Protein backbone atom coordinates (compact mmCIF):
# COMPACT_ATOMS: atom_id res chain seq x y z
CA UNK A 1 122.22 86.76 86.07
CA UNK A 2 119.14 86.98 83.87
CA UNK A 3 115.70 87.71 85.32
CA UNK A 4 112.62 87.75 83.08
CA UNK A 5 110.13 90.54 83.81
CA UNK A 6 106.50 89.98 82.88
CA UNK A 7 105.42 93.55 82.12
CA UNK A 8 102.04 93.33 80.45
CA UNK A 9 101.84 97.07 79.83
CA UNK A 10 99.19 98.02 82.40
CA UNK A 11 101.35 100.28 84.53
CA UNK A 12 104.75 101.64 85.40
CA UNK A 13 107.08 98.86 86.61
CA UNK A 14 110.21 100.99 86.51
CA UNK A 15 110.75 100.61 90.26
CA UNK A 16 110.85 96.81 89.94
CA UNK A 17 113.21 97.02 87.00
CA UNK A 18 115.49 99.41 88.88
CA UNK A 19 115.48 97.22 91.99
CA UNK A 20 116.50 94.15 90.01
CA UNK A 21 119.24 96.07 88.22
CA UNK A 22 120.47 97.44 91.55
CA UNK A 23 120.89 93.83 92.65
CA UNK A 24 123.02 93.12 89.58
CA UNK A 25 120.43 91.37 87.41
CA UNK A 26 120.14 91.44 83.64
CA UNK A 27 116.42 92.25 83.22
CA UNK A 28 114.76 90.78 80.14
CA UNK A 29 111.17 91.62 79.19
CA UNK A 30 108.72 88.82 78.47
CA UNK A 31 106.58 89.39 75.39
CA UNK A 32 105.90 85.82 74.23
CA UNK A 33 105.07 82.43 75.72
CA UNK A 34 108.40 81.07 74.47
CA UNK A 35 110.22 83.64 76.63
CA UNK A 36 108.39 82.35 79.70
CA UNK A 37 109.46 78.79 78.91
CA UNK A 38 113.08 79.92 78.45
CA UNK A 39 113.19 81.99 81.67
CA UNK A 40 115.33 81.09 84.67
CA UNK A 41 113.28 83.31 86.98
CA UNK A 42 110.01 85.11 86.26
CA UNK A 43 109.08 88.29 88.14
CA UNK A 44 105.47 89.44 87.69
CA UNK A 45 104.84 92.97 89.07
CA UNK A 46 101.11 93.21 88.40
CA UNK A 47 99.59 96.69 88.22
CA UNK A 48 95.99 97.72 87.60
CA UNK A 49 92.79 95.69 87.97
CA UNK A 50 92.48 91.91 88.24
CA UNK A 51 90.20 91.66 85.21
CA UNK A 52 92.35 93.75 82.90
CA UNK A 53 95.50 91.87 83.95
CA UNK A 54 93.99 88.46 83.20
CA UNK A 55 92.49 89.70 79.92
CA UNK A 56 95.85 91.04 78.77
CA UNK A 57 97.55 87.75 79.64
CA UNK A 58 94.88 85.91 77.62
CA UNK A 59 95.14 88.31 74.69
CA UNK A 60 98.87 87.62 74.57
CA UNK A 61 98.38 83.85 74.93
CA UNK A 62 100.45 83.77 78.11
CA UNK A 63 98.01 82.25 80.62
CA UNK A 64 98.53 78.54 79.91
CA UNK A 65 102.30 78.86 79.62
CA UNK A 66 102.61 80.96 82.79
CA UNK A 67 100.40 78.53 84.71
CA UNK A 68 102.44 75.55 83.47
CA UNK A 69 105.70 77.33 84.38
CA UNK A 70 104.54 77.89 87.97
CA UNK A 71 102.97 74.43 88.37
CA UNK A 72 106.27 72.89 87.25
CA UNK A 73 107.87 74.43 90.35
CA UNK A 74 110.03 76.92 88.50
CA UNK A 75 111.13 80.18 90.24
CA UNK A 76 108.43 82.87 90.27
CA UNK A 77 108.12 86.12 92.24
CA UNK A 78 104.81 88.02 92.10
CA UNK A 79 104.21 91.55 93.37
CA UNK A 80 100.84 93.03 94.42
CA UNK A 81 98.42 92.12 91.61
CA UNK A 82 101.02 89.57 90.55
CA UNK A 83 100.17 87.77 93.80
CA UNK A 84 96.41 88.20 93.45
CA UNK A 85 96.30 86.61 89.99
CA UNK A 86 97.60 83.36 91.53
CA UNK A 87 94.16 82.78 93.07
CA UNK A 88 90.96 81.50 91.47
CA UNK A 89 89.28 84.88 91.17
CA UNK A 90 88.71 88.32 92.66
CA UNK A 91 85.76 90.36 93.90
CA UNK A 92 87.26 93.18 91.85
CA UNK A 93 86.32 91.37 88.62
CA UNK A 94 83.49 88.87 89.26
CA UNK A 95 83.43 85.99 86.81
CA UNK A 96 87.04 86.45 85.68
CA UNK A 97 89.19 83.39 86.30
CA UNK A 98 92.65 83.79 87.77
CA UNK A 99 95.57 81.44 87.33
CA UNK A 100 94.15 79.16 90.01
CA UNK A 101 97.52 78.17 91.44
CA UNK A 102 96.46 78.85 95.05
CA UNK A 103 93.09 78.16 96.70
CA UNK A 104 90.66 80.96 97.48
CA UNK A 105 89.62 84.31 96.07
CA UNK A 106 90.70 87.91 96.53
CA UNK A 107 88.16 89.98 98.49
CA UNK A 108 87.27 93.67 98.77
CA UNK A 109 88.98 95.17 101.82
CA UNK A 110 85.79 97.09 102.69
CA UNK A 111 84.00 93.82 103.33
CA UNK A 112 86.80 92.43 105.49
CA UNK A 113 87.82 95.21 107.87
CA UNK A 114 86.33 95.21 111.37
CA UNK A 115 86.72 98.93 112.06
CA UNK A 116 86.40 101.96 109.81
CA UNK A 117 89.73 102.76 108.17
CA UNK A 118 90.58 104.34 104.81
CA UNK A 119 90.58 102.05 101.78
CA UNK A 120 92.88 101.61 99.92
CA UNK A 121 95.39 100.52 102.51
CA UNK A 122 98.31 102.84 101.81
CA UNK A 123 101.51 103.14 103.78
CA UNK A 124 104.21 101.27 105.68
CA UNK A 125 103.03 98.34 107.77
CA UNK A 126 104.63 95.37 109.48
CA UNK A 127 104.55 91.67 108.67
CA UNK A 128 104.05 88.60 110.87
CA UNK A 129 106.19 85.78 109.54
CA UNK A 130 104.90 82.22 109.47
CA UNK A 131 107.94 80.36 110.72
CA UNK A 132 106.59 77.06 109.37
CA UNK A 133 106.66 78.29 105.77
CA UNK A 134 109.80 77.22 103.85
CA UNK A 135 110.39 80.80 102.67
CA UNK A 136 110.21 82.30 106.16
CA UNK A 137 113.93 83.17 106.06
CA UNK A 138 113.30 85.59 103.18
CA UNK A 139 111.37 87.95 105.47
CA UNK A 140 112.56 90.12 108.36
CA UNK A 141 109.82 90.10 111.03
CA UNK A 142 110.93 93.51 112.33
CA UNK A 143 110.78 95.28 108.95
CA UNK A 144 108.17 97.65 107.63
CA UNK A 145 107.14 97.34 104.00
CA UNK A 146 105.04 99.47 101.67
CA UNK A 147 101.42 98.66 100.78
CA UNK A 148 98.91 100.21 98.40
CA UNK A 149 95.85 98.06 97.66
CA UNK A 150 92.06 97.90 97.99
CA UNK A 151 91.64 94.12 97.74
CA UNK A 152 93.16 91.42 99.93
CA UNK A 153 93.42 87.67 100.40
CA UNK A 154 91.77 86.53 103.66
CA UNK A 155 93.48 84.00 105.89
CA UNK A 156 92.00 80.54 105.50
CA UNK A 157 92.66 77.02 106.74
CA UNK A 158 92.97 75.79 103.17
CA UNK A 159 95.64 78.37 102.31
CA UNK A 160 97.35 78.07 105.71
CA UNK A 161 100.59 76.25 104.77
CA UNK A 162 101.21 78.63 101.86
CA UNK A 163 100.95 81.82 103.95
CA UNK A 164 104.43 83.27 104.38
CA UNK A 165 103.45 86.52 106.12
CA UNK A 166 100.30 88.22 107.35
CA UNK A 167 99.49 91.86 108.10
CA UNK A 168 96.79 93.62 110.12
CA UNK A 169 94.72 96.54 108.87
CA UNK A 170 91.38 97.69 110.23
CA UNK A 171 91.79 95.06 112.97
CA UNK A 172 91.69 92.40 110.24
CA UNK A 173 94.61 90.06 109.64
CA UNK A 174 95.07 89.09 106.00
CA UNK A 175 97.68 87.43 103.77
CA UNK A 176 100.54 89.75 102.83
CA UNK A 177 102.86 87.14 101.26
CA UNK A 178 102.58 83.56 100.02
CA UNK A 179 105.20 80.95 99.25
CA UNK A 180 105.02 77.42 97.92
CA UNK A 181 108.05 75.62 96.56
CA UNK A 182 109.85 78.04 94.25
CA UNK A 183 106.88 80.42 94.17
CA UNK A 184 106.99 83.57 96.31
CA UNK A 185 104.57 86.48 96.00
CA UNK A 186 103.88 89.57 98.09
CA UNK A 187 100.88 91.87 98.43
CA UNK A 188 103.26 94.66 99.44
CA UNK A 189 105.80 96.27 97.12
CA UNK A 190 109.35 95.14 97.97
CA UNK A 191 110.70 97.41 95.22
CA UNK A 192 109.21 100.43 97.05
CA UNK A 193 110.18 99.27 100.54
CA UNK A 194 113.74 100.53 100.71
CA UNK A 195 116.46 98.25 102.00
CA UNK A 196 113.97 95.89 103.67
CA UNK A 197 112.26 95.15 100.36
CA UNK A 198 115.50 94.86 98.42
CA UNK A 199 116.73 92.30 100.94
CA UNK A 200 113.62 90.15 100.34
CA UNK A 201 114.31 90.21 96.61
CA UNK A 202 118.01 89.51 97.21
CA UNK A 203 117.33 86.46 99.36
CA UNK A 204 114.88 85.08 96.80
CA UNK A 205 117.32 85.60 93.92
CA UNK A 206 120.26 84.23 95.88
CA UNK A 207 118.26 81.04 96.43
CA UNK A 208 116.64 80.57 93.03
CA UNK A 209 118.85 82.27 90.46
CA UNK A 210 121.79 80.45 88.87
CA UNK A 211 124.81 82.30 90.26
CA UNK A 212 122.51 84.03 92.73
CA UNK A 213 125.05 83.82 95.52
CA UNK A 214 126.76 86.76 93.81
CA UNK A 215 123.75 89.05 94.31
CA UNK A 216 125.01 91.89 96.54
CA UNK A 217 123.50 92.41 99.97
CA UNK A 218 120.95 95.23 99.96
CA UNK A 219 121.37 98.51 101.80
CA UNK A 220 120.45 98.75 105.46
CA UNK A 221 116.81 98.12 106.28
CA UNK A 222 114.40 100.98 106.90
CA UNK A 223 113.94 101.92 110.56
CA UNK A 224 111.79 99.47 112.49
CA UNK A 225 109.82 99.73 115.68
CA UNK A 226 108.95 97.22 118.43
CA UNK A 227 105.29 96.90 117.44
CA UNK A 228 106.31 95.45 114.06
CA UNK A 229 107.93 92.40 115.69
CA UNK A 230 106.78 88.90 114.88
CA UNK A 231 105.79 88.22 118.49
CA UNK A 232 103.06 90.86 118.38
CA UNK A 233 99.47 89.73 117.89
CA UNK A 234 99.02 92.22 115.05
CA UNK A 235 100.96 94.68 112.95
CA UNK A 236 100.50 98.44 113.05
CA UNK A 237 100.31 100.92 110.20
CA UNK A 238 103.22 103.33 110.62
CA UNK A 239 102.44 106.90 111.56
CA UNK A 240 103.75 109.31 108.98
CA UNK A 241 104.77 112.95 108.92
CA UNK A 242 104.08 114.29 105.45
CA UNK A 243 105.52 117.66 104.46
CA UNK A 244 102.96 119.34 102.20
CA UNK A 245 103.98 122.78 101.02
CA UNK A 246 102.70 124.70 98.04
CA UNK A 247 104.24 127.52 96.01
CA UNK A 248 101.74 130.04 94.67
CA UNK A 249 101.33 133.72 93.94
CA UNK A 250 99.92 135.98 96.64
CA UNK A 251 97.60 138.92 95.97
CA UNK A 252 100.57 141.12 95.07
CA UNK A 253 101.86 138.60 92.51
CA UNK A 254 104.83 137.47 94.61
CA UNK A 255 105.61 133.75 94.92
CA UNK A 256 105.25 132.48 98.49
CA UNK A 257 105.50 129.07 100.14
CA UNK A 258 102.22 128.33 101.86
CA UNK A 259 100.19 125.62 103.49
CA UNK A 260 97.10 125.88 105.61
CA UNK A 261 95.00 123.71 107.86
CA UNK A 262 92.17 122.13 105.85
CA UNK A 263 93.54 123.89 102.77
CA UNK A 264 92.77 127.31 104.28
CA UNK A 265 95.90 129.10 103.10
CA UNK A 266 94.86 132.59 104.21
CA UNK A 267 95.42 134.30 107.51
CA UNK A 268 92.33 135.00 109.59
CA UNK A 269 91.30 138.62 109.07
CA UNK A 270 90.55 140.95 111.94
CA UNK A 271 87.16 140.15 113.42
CA UNK A 272 87.15 136.76 111.69
CA UNK A 273 85.41 137.98 108.56
CA UNK A 274 86.62 138.62 105.04
CA UNK A 275 89.72 137.32 103.26
CA UNK A 276 93.05 137.68 105.05
CA UNK A 277 96.44 137.74 103.35
CA UNK A 278 97.83 134.57 101.81
CA UNK A 279 99.86 132.83 104.50
CA UNK A 280 103.60 132.97 103.80
CA UNK A 281 105.62 130.20 105.43
């Protein structure tokens, strides 16, 4: 089962390649326009900035062929920047034209959020599935998926029918996946979303790939929580426990495992003044 991967050289797409191989696909790299025309399924895992991605596609003479491939209704799966390039443009690169497949532009998260939250949006968040979208069955409304991005596509009436899922961050609901015909694209990274993400890819491939019914079911989904359910008014960024330990030499030259609050890795000395010993955990 051959899948054509559009890796334009702007970043590491090993996770996407590994995910497709895990699902039993023969991954073939696209380097020419002819390879796009010959593809059964194109997967575009965009990485980097909007402007550099579009410039690289133009330098390689891939824009017109890729646009024609998608407009012809042939199977396409975009990831992160691979979704953003489907729109007319992006605030990240003013004046740079996108593929123009979908209406609207990509906006800076900092101009969209209603409350102060860190940008980029990084972490596991939920998705609200638009049951009216034909690709709704590809997405599990109780799953959490992995995001890392600073720009987003706002919800709009014009885009409405093509919105497959939406996600909330900074009290702002935005588009986290789109689908139209044989086109599916996600702002989140299914290849980095454990079993939940692999299952999205599996369902897409099983539907659109010749012989796709043989694609094995993905591993069990990552743990979910009630607030991620489709019936909720908004999704919630998952709370995370991050183990951060450091190995370094103490004053005597011995290696110790240490970590301190606010990077203060030393014990408080008597009287609260001076340098205490390096904390050994």
